[in-house]
Amino acid sequence: MKQVIIVRKDLKMGVGKIAAQVAHASLLAAEKSKKMNKELFIEWFNGGQAKIVLKVNTLEELLNIKEKAEGLKLPTEIVQDKGLTQLEEGTITCLGIGPADEELIDKVTGNLKLL
């Protein structure tokens, strides 16, 4: 069981901004996972809440991964910035996937590099 957060590197966000966006993605995706399969969520939560943060270079890459993940019925959530600091309102910054079965998540994210 794990959760993956994918960050867009083309946005040139600062470290603090990235941390906040990753936190948003983690929480949103975890809540969606809990609604989809509470037992699976509890297993992940009680098992240490494994999270991996990966990167992509474009919005297109991020959206393609989202589509593939949804095709496997994985919980996904997109984070859109509120536009209060570094980015324009509505900018898509991150994608949260899972928590879910590690093997399923790896089918769509296994080729990505760590942030």
N, C-alpha and C. Protein backbone atom coordinates (compact mmCIF):
# COMPACT_ATOMS: atom_id res chain seq x y z
N MET A 1 0.84 -1.18 0.00
CA MET A 1 0.00 0.00 0.00
C MET A 1 0.88 1.25 0.00
N LYS A 2 0.53 2.17 -0.89
CA LYS A 2 1.25 3.44 -0.87
C LYS A 2 0.41 4.52 -1.55
N GLN A 3 0.87 5.72 -1.39
CA GLN A 3 0.29 6.87 -2.06
C GLN A 3 1.40 7.54 -2.85
N VAL A 4 1.06 8.06 -4.02
CA VAL A 4 2.04 8.78 -4.84
C VAL A 4 1.51 10.18 -5.10
N ILE A 5 2.40 11.14 -4.97
CA ILE A 5 2.10 12.52 -5.31
C ILE A 5 3.03 12.91 -6.45
N ILE A 6 2.45 13.44 -7.52
CA ILE A 6 3.23 13.84 -8.69
C ILE A 6 3.19 15.36 -8.80
N VAL A 7 4.38 15.96 -8.91
CA VAL A 7 4.54 17.41 -8.92
C VAL A 7 5.00 17.88 -10.30
N ARG A 8 4.43 18.96 -10.77
CA ARG A 8 4.87 19.58 -12.02
C ARG A 8 6.13 20.41 -11.77
N LYS A 9 7.22 20.05 -12.42
CA LYS A 9 8.47 20.79 -12.26
C LYS A 9 8.56 22.01 -13.17
N ASP A 10 7.73 22.08 -14.21
CA ASP A 10 7.79 23.22 -15.13
C ASP A 10 7.29 24.51 -14.50
N LEU A 11 6.64 24.42 -13.35
CA LEU A 11 6.09 25.62 -12.72
C LEU A 11 7.13 26.39 -11.90
N LYS A 12 8.26 25.78 -11.62
CA LYS A 12 9.34 26.45 -10.87
C LYS A 12 8.87 26.97 -9.51
N MET A 13 8.09 26.14 -8.80
CA MET A 13 7.61 26.51 -7.47
C MET A 13 8.75 26.45 -6.47
N GLY A 14 8.69 27.29 -5.46
CA GLY A 14 9.66 27.24 -4.38
C GLY A 14 9.44 26.00 -3.52
N VAL A 15 10.42 25.68 -2.69
CA VAL A 15 10.36 24.47 -1.87
C VAL A 15 9.14 24.49 -0.94
N GLY A 16 8.88 25.61 -0.31
CA GLY A 16 7.73 25.70 0.59
C GLY A 16 6.42 25.53 -0.15
N LYS A 17 6.33 26.12 -1.33
CA LYS A 17 5.13 26.01 -2.15
C LYS A 17 4.90 24.55 -2.55
N ILE A 18 5.96 23.88 -2.97
CA ILE A 18 5.86 22.46 -3.33
C ILE A 18 5.37 21.65 -2.13
N ALA A 19 5.95 21.91 -0.96
CA ALA A 19 5.54 21.18 0.24
C ALA A 19 4.06 21.35 0.52
N ALA A 20 3.57 22.56 0.40
CA ALA A 20 2.15 22.82 0.65
C ALA A 20 1.27 22.13 -0.38
N GLN A 21 1.66 22.17 -1.64
CA GLN A 21 0.87 21.55 -2.70
C GLN A 21 0.86 20.02 -2.55
N VAL A 22 1.98 19.45 -2.18
CA VAL A 22 2.06 18.01 -1.95
C VAL A 22 1.15 17.62 -0.77
N ALA A 23 1.15 18.43 0.26
CA ALA A 23 0.28 18.15 1.41
C ALA A 23 -1.20 18.19 0.99
N HIS A 24 -1.56 19.17 0.19
CA HIS A 24 -2.94 19.24 -0.31
C HIS A 24 -3.29 17.97 -1.10
N ALA A 25 -2.40 17.57 -2.00
CA ALA A 25 -2.66 16.40 -2.84
C ALA A 25 -2.78 15.13 -2.01
N SER A 26 -1.92 15.00 -1.01
CA SER A 26 -1.96 13.81 -0.15
C SER A 26 -3.28 13.71 0.59
N LEU A 27 -3.68 14.81 1.19
CA LEU A 27 -4.92 14.81 1.96
C LEU A 27 -6.14 14.58 1.07
N LEU A 28 -6.21 15.28 -0.05
CA LEU A 28 -7.36 15.13 -0.94
C LEU A 28 -7.48 13.70 -1.48
N ALA A 29 -6.36 13.14 -1.92
CA ALA A 29 -6.39 11.78 -2.46
C ALA A 29 -6.70 10.76 -1.37
N ALA A 30 -6.18 10.96 -0.17
CA ALA A 30 -6.47 10.04 0.93
C ALA A 30 -7.96 10.06 1.27
N GLU A 31 -8.56 11.24 1.29
CA GLU A 31 -9.99 11.35 1.56
C GLU A 31 -10.81 10.64 0.48
N LYS A 32 -10.40 10.78 -0.76
CA LYS A 32 -11.11 10.10 -1.85
C LYS A 32 -10.97 8.60 -1.72
N SER A 33 -9.76 8.14 -1.40
CA SER A 33 -9.51 6.71 -1.21
C SER A 33 -10.39 6.15 -0.09
N LYS A 34 -10.49 6.92 0.98
CA LYS A 34 -11.30 6.49 2.13
C LYS A 34 -12.77 6.31 1.73
N LYS A 35 -13.27 7.19 0.89
CA LYS A 35 -14.65 7.08 0.41
C LYS A 35 -14.83 5.89 -0.53
N MET A 36 -13.81 5.60 -1.33
CA MET A 36 -13.91 4.52 -2.32
C MET A 36 -13.78 3.14 -1.68
N ASN A 37 -12.89 3.03 -0.67
CA ASN A 37 -12.62 1.72 -0.06
C ASN A 37 -12.04 1.96 1.33
N LYS A 38 -12.90 2.01 2.32
CA LYS A 38 -12.49 2.36 3.68
C LYS A 38 -11.49 1.36 4.26
N GLU A 39 -11.68 0.08 3.98
CA GLU A 39 -10.78 -0.94 4.53
C GLU A 39 -9.37 -0.77 3.98
N LEU A 40 -9.27 -0.49 2.70
CA LEU A 40 -7.97 -0.29 2.08
C LEU A 40 -7.29 0.96 2.66
N PHE A 41 -8.06 2.01 2.85
CA PHE A 41 -7.53 3.23 3.46
C PHE A 41 -7.00 2.95 4.87
N ILE A 42 -7.77 2.22 5.66
CA ILE A 42 -7.35 1.91 7.03
C ILE A 42 -6.07 1.09 7.04
N GLU A 43 -5.96 0.15 6.11
CA GLU A 43 -4.72 -0.65 6.01
C GLU A 43 -3.52 0.26 5.74
N TRP A 44 -3.67 1.18 4.82
CA TRP A 44 -2.59 2.12 4.51
C TRP A 44 -2.29 3.02 5.72
N PHE A 45 -3.34 3.56 6.32
CA PHE A 45 -3.19 4.48 7.44
C PHE A 45 -2.48 3.81 8.61
N ASN A 46 -2.90 2.61 8.96
CA ASN A 46 -2.30 1.88 10.08
C ASN A 46 -0.93 1.29 9.75
N GLY A 47 -0.62 1.22 8.45
CA GLY A 47 0.65 0.64 8.03
C GLY A 47 1.77 1.64 7.85
N GLY A 48 1.58 2.88 8.28
CA GLY A 48 2.65 3.87 8.21
C GLY A 48 2.44 4.96 7.18
N GLN A 49 1.38 4.88 6.37
CA GLN A 49 1.03 5.92 5.41
C GLN A 49 2.14 6.23 4.41
N ALA A 50 2.65 5.20 3.77
CA ALA A 50 3.74 5.36 2.80
C ALA A 50 3.35 6.33 1.69
N LYS A 51 4.25 7.28 1.42
CA LYS A 51 4.05 8.27 0.37
C LYS A 51 5.34 8.41 -0.44
N ILE A 52 5.19 8.55 -1.74
CA ILE A 52 6.31 8.78 -2.63
C ILE A 52 5.99 10.04 -3.44
N VAL A 53 6.96 10.94 -3.58
CA VAL A 53 6.76 12.17 -4.35
C VAL A 53 7.61 12.07 -5.61
N LEU A 54 6.93 12.17 -6.75
CA LEU A 54 7.56 12.03 -8.06
C LEU A 54 7.38 13.31 -8.86
N LYS A 55 8.04 13.40 -10.01
CA LYS A 55 7.94 14.62 -10.80
C LYS A 55 7.63 14.33 -12.26
N VAL A 56 6.99 15.31 -12.88
CA VAL A 56 6.79 15.34 -14.33
C VAL A 56 7.19 16.74 -14.80
N ASN A 57 7.39 16.86 -16.10
CA ASN A 57 7.85 18.13 -16.65
C ASN A 57 6.76 18.99 -17.25
N THR A 58 5.55 18.41 -17.46
CA THR A 58 4.50 19.18 -18.11
C THR A 58 3.13 18.83 -17.55
N LEU A 59 2.19 19.72 -17.79
CA LEU A 59 0.80 19.47 -17.43
C LEU A 59 0.27 18.28 -18.22
N GLU A 60 0.62 18.19 -19.47
CA GLU A 60 0.16 17.08 -20.32
C GLU A 60 0.56 15.73 -19.73
N GLU A 61 1.80 15.60 -19.27
CA GLU A 61 2.26 14.36 -18.64
C GLU A 61 1.40 14.03 -17.42
N LEU A 62 1.16 15.04 -16.60
CA LEU A 62 0.38 14.86 -15.38
C LEU A 62 -1.03 14.37 -15.71
N LEU A 63 -1.67 14.99 -16.68
CA LEU A 63 -3.03 14.61 -17.04
C LEU A 63 -3.10 13.23 -17.68
N ASN A 64 -2.08 12.86 -18.44
CA ASN A 64 -2.02 11.50 -19.02
C ASN A 64 -1.93 10.45 -17.93
N ILE A 65 -1.14 10.72 -16.91
CA ILE A 65 -1.01 9.78 -15.79
C ILE A 65 -2.33 9.68 -15.03
N LYS A 66 -2.99 10.80 -14.84
CA LYS A 66 -4.30 10.80 -14.17
C LYS A 66 -5.28 9.91 -14.91
N GLU A 67 -5.32 10.05 -16.22
CA GLU A 67 -6.23 9.27 -17.05
C GLU A 67 -5.93 7.76 -16.93
N LYS A 68 -4.65 7.41 -16.99
CA LYS A 68 -4.26 6.00 -16.86
C LYS A 68 -4.64 5.45 -15.48
N ALA A 69 -4.40 6.24 -14.43
CA ALA A 69 -4.71 5.81 -13.07
C ALA A 69 -6.22 5.61 -12.91
N GLU A 70 -7.00 6.51 -13.45
CA GLU A 70 -8.45 6.38 -13.36
C GLU A 70 -8.94 5.16 -14.14
N GLY A 71 -8.24 4.83 -15.22
CA GLY A 71 -8.56 3.63 -15.99
C GLY A 71 -8.39 2.36 -15.17
N LEU A 72 -7.50 2.42 -14.18
CA LEU A 72 -7.28 1.27 -13.27
C LEU A 72 -8.13 1.42 -12.00
N LYS A 73 -9.03 2.38 -11.99
CA LYS A 73 -9.94 2.63 -10.86
C LYS A 73 -9.20 3.04 -9.59
N LEU A 74 -8.06 3.72 -9.76
CA LEU A 74 -7.30 4.25 -8.63
C LEU A 74 -7.89 5.60 -8.22
N PRO A 75 -7.90 5.90 -6.93
CA PRO A 75 -8.35 7.22 -6.51
C PRO A 75 -7.33 8.28 -6.91
N THR A 76 -7.80 9.33 -7.55
CA THR A 76 -6.92 10.42 -7.96
C THR A 76 -7.54 11.76 -7.58
N GLU A 77 -6.68 12.71 -7.32
CA GLU A 77 -7.13 14.09 -7.05
C GLU A 77 -6.10 15.06 -7.61
N ILE A 78 -6.59 16.04 -8.33
CA ILE A 78 -5.78 17.13 -8.87
C ILE A 78 -5.80 18.28 -7.87
N VAL A 79 -4.66 18.97 -7.73
CA VAL A 79 -4.60 20.18 -6.90
C VAL A 79 -4.50 21.38 -7.82
N GLN A 80 -5.40 22.34 -7.61
CA GLN A 80 -5.36 23.60 -8.33
C GLN A 80 -5.07 24.71 -7.34
N ASP A 81 -4.09 25.52 -7.65
CA ASP A 81 -3.67 26.59 -6.75
C ASP A 81 -4.74 27.67 -6.63
N LYS A 82 -4.79 28.31 -5.47
CA LYS A 82 -5.75 29.39 -5.21
C LYS A 82 -5.27 30.74 -5.74
N GLY A 83 -4.01 30.82 -6.15
CA GLY A 83 -3.51 32.05 -6.74
C GLY A 83 -3.14 33.13 -5.75
N LEU A 84 -2.86 32.76 -4.52
CA LEU A 84 -2.56 33.77 -3.49
C LEU A 84 -1.08 34.13 -3.41
N THR A 85 -0.20 33.30 -3.96
CA THR A 85 1.23 33.61 -3.83
C THR A 85 1.94 33.52 -5.19
N GLN A 86 2.55 32.39 -5.50
CA GLN A 86 3.45 32.28 -6.64
C GLN A 86 2.79 32.00 -7.98
N LEU A 87 1.59 31.46 -7.98
CA LEU A 87 0.97 30.99 -9.22
C LEU A 87 -0.37 31.67 -9.46
N GLU A 88 -0.82 31.60 -10.70
CA GLU A 88 -2.13 32.12 -11.04
C GLU A 88 -3.22 31.17 -10.53
N GLU A 89 -4.34 31.73 -10.16
CA GLU A 89 -5.47 30.93 -9.67
C GLU A 89 -5.86 29.88 -10.72
N GLY A 90 -6.06 28.66 -10.23
CA GLY A 90 -6.48 27.57 -11.10
C GLY A 90 -5.36 26.75 -11.69
N THR A 91 -4.11 27.17 -11.47
CA THR A 91 -2.97 26.41 -11.99
C THR A 91 -2.93 25.03 -11.35
N ILE A 92 -2.87 24.00 -12.19
CA ILE A 92 -2.77 22.62 -11.70
C ILE A 92 -1.32 22.36 -11.31
N THR A 93 -1.10 21.99 -10.05
CA THR A 93 0.26 21.83 -9.53
C THR A 93 0.66 20.39 -9.28
N CYS A 94 -0.28 19.57 -8.81
CA CYS A 94 0.03 18.21 -8.36
C CYS A 94 -1.11 17.26 -8.67
N LEU A 95 -0.76 15.99 -8.63
CA LEU A 95 -1.73 14.90 -8.74
C LEU A 95 -1.46 13.93 -7.60
N GLY A 96 -2.48 13.63 -6.83
CA GLY A 96 -2.38 12.59 -5.80
C GLY A 96 -3.03 11.32 -6.31
N ILE A 97 -2.35 10.20 -6.10
CA ILE A 97 -2.90 8.88 -6.48
C ILE A 97 -2.82 7.99 -5.25
N GLY A 98 -3.95 7.39 -4.89
CA GLY A 98 -3.98 6.48 -3.76
C GLY A 98 -4.19 7.21 -2.46
N PRO A 99 -4.11 6.47 -1.39
CA PRO A 99 -3.46 5.19 -1.25
C PRO A 99 -4.22 4.06 -1.95
N ALA A 100 -3.41 3.14 -2.45
CA ALA A 100 -3.92 1.97 -3.14
C ALA A 100 -2.82 0.92 -3.21
N ASP A 101 -3.14 -0.18 -3.85
CA ASP A 101 -2.17 -1.26 -4.01
C ASP A 101 -0.94 -0.75 -4.77
N GLU A 102 0.22 -1.02 -4.22
CA GLU A 102 1.48 -0.53 -4.78
C GLU A 102 1.68 -0.99 -6.23
N GLU A 103 1.35 -2.24 -6.53
CA GLU A 103 1.55 -2.77 -7.88
C GLU A 103 0.69 -2.04 -8.90
N LEU A 104 -0.53 -1.69 -8.53
CA LEU A 104 -1.40 -0.94 -9.45
C LEU A 104 -0.86 0.47 -9.70
N ILE A 105 -0.46 1.13 -8.62
CA ILE A 105 0.09 2.48 -8.78
C ILE A 105 1.35 2.45 -9.63
N ASP A 106 2.20 1.45 -9.42
CA ASP A 106 3.45 1.35 -10.19
C ASP A 106 3.20 1.16 -11.68
N LYS A 107 2.05 0.63 -12.06
CA LYS A 107 1.73 0.46 -13.48
C LYS A 107 1.65 1.81 -14.20
N VAL A 108 1.28 2.85 -13.47
CA VAL A 108 1.16 4.17 -14.10
C VAL A 108 2.26 5.15 -13.70
N THR A 109 2.99 4.86 -12.63
CA THR A 109 4.01 5.81 -12.16
C THR A 109 5.42 5.21 -12.08
N GLY A 110 5.55 3.95 -12.40
CA GLY A 110 6.83 3.25 -12.21
C GLY A 110 7.99 3.82 -13.00
N ASN A 111 7.72 4.57 -14.06
CA ASN A 111 8.80 5.13 -14.88
C ASN A 111 9.19 6.56 -14.47
N LEU A 112 8.50 7.12 -13.49
CA LEU A 112 8.78 8.50 -13.07
C LEU A 112 9.94 8.57 -12.09
N LYS A 113 10.59 9.72 -12.04
CA LYS A 113 11.72 9.95 -11.15
C LYS A 113 11.25 10.63 -9.86
N LEU A 114 12.00 10.39 -8.79
CA LEU A 114 11.72 11.07 -7.53
C LEU A 114 11.92 12.57 -7.68
N LEU A 115 11.16 13.33 -6.91
CA LEU A 115 11.27 14.80 -6.95
C LEU A 115 12.61 15.24 -6.43
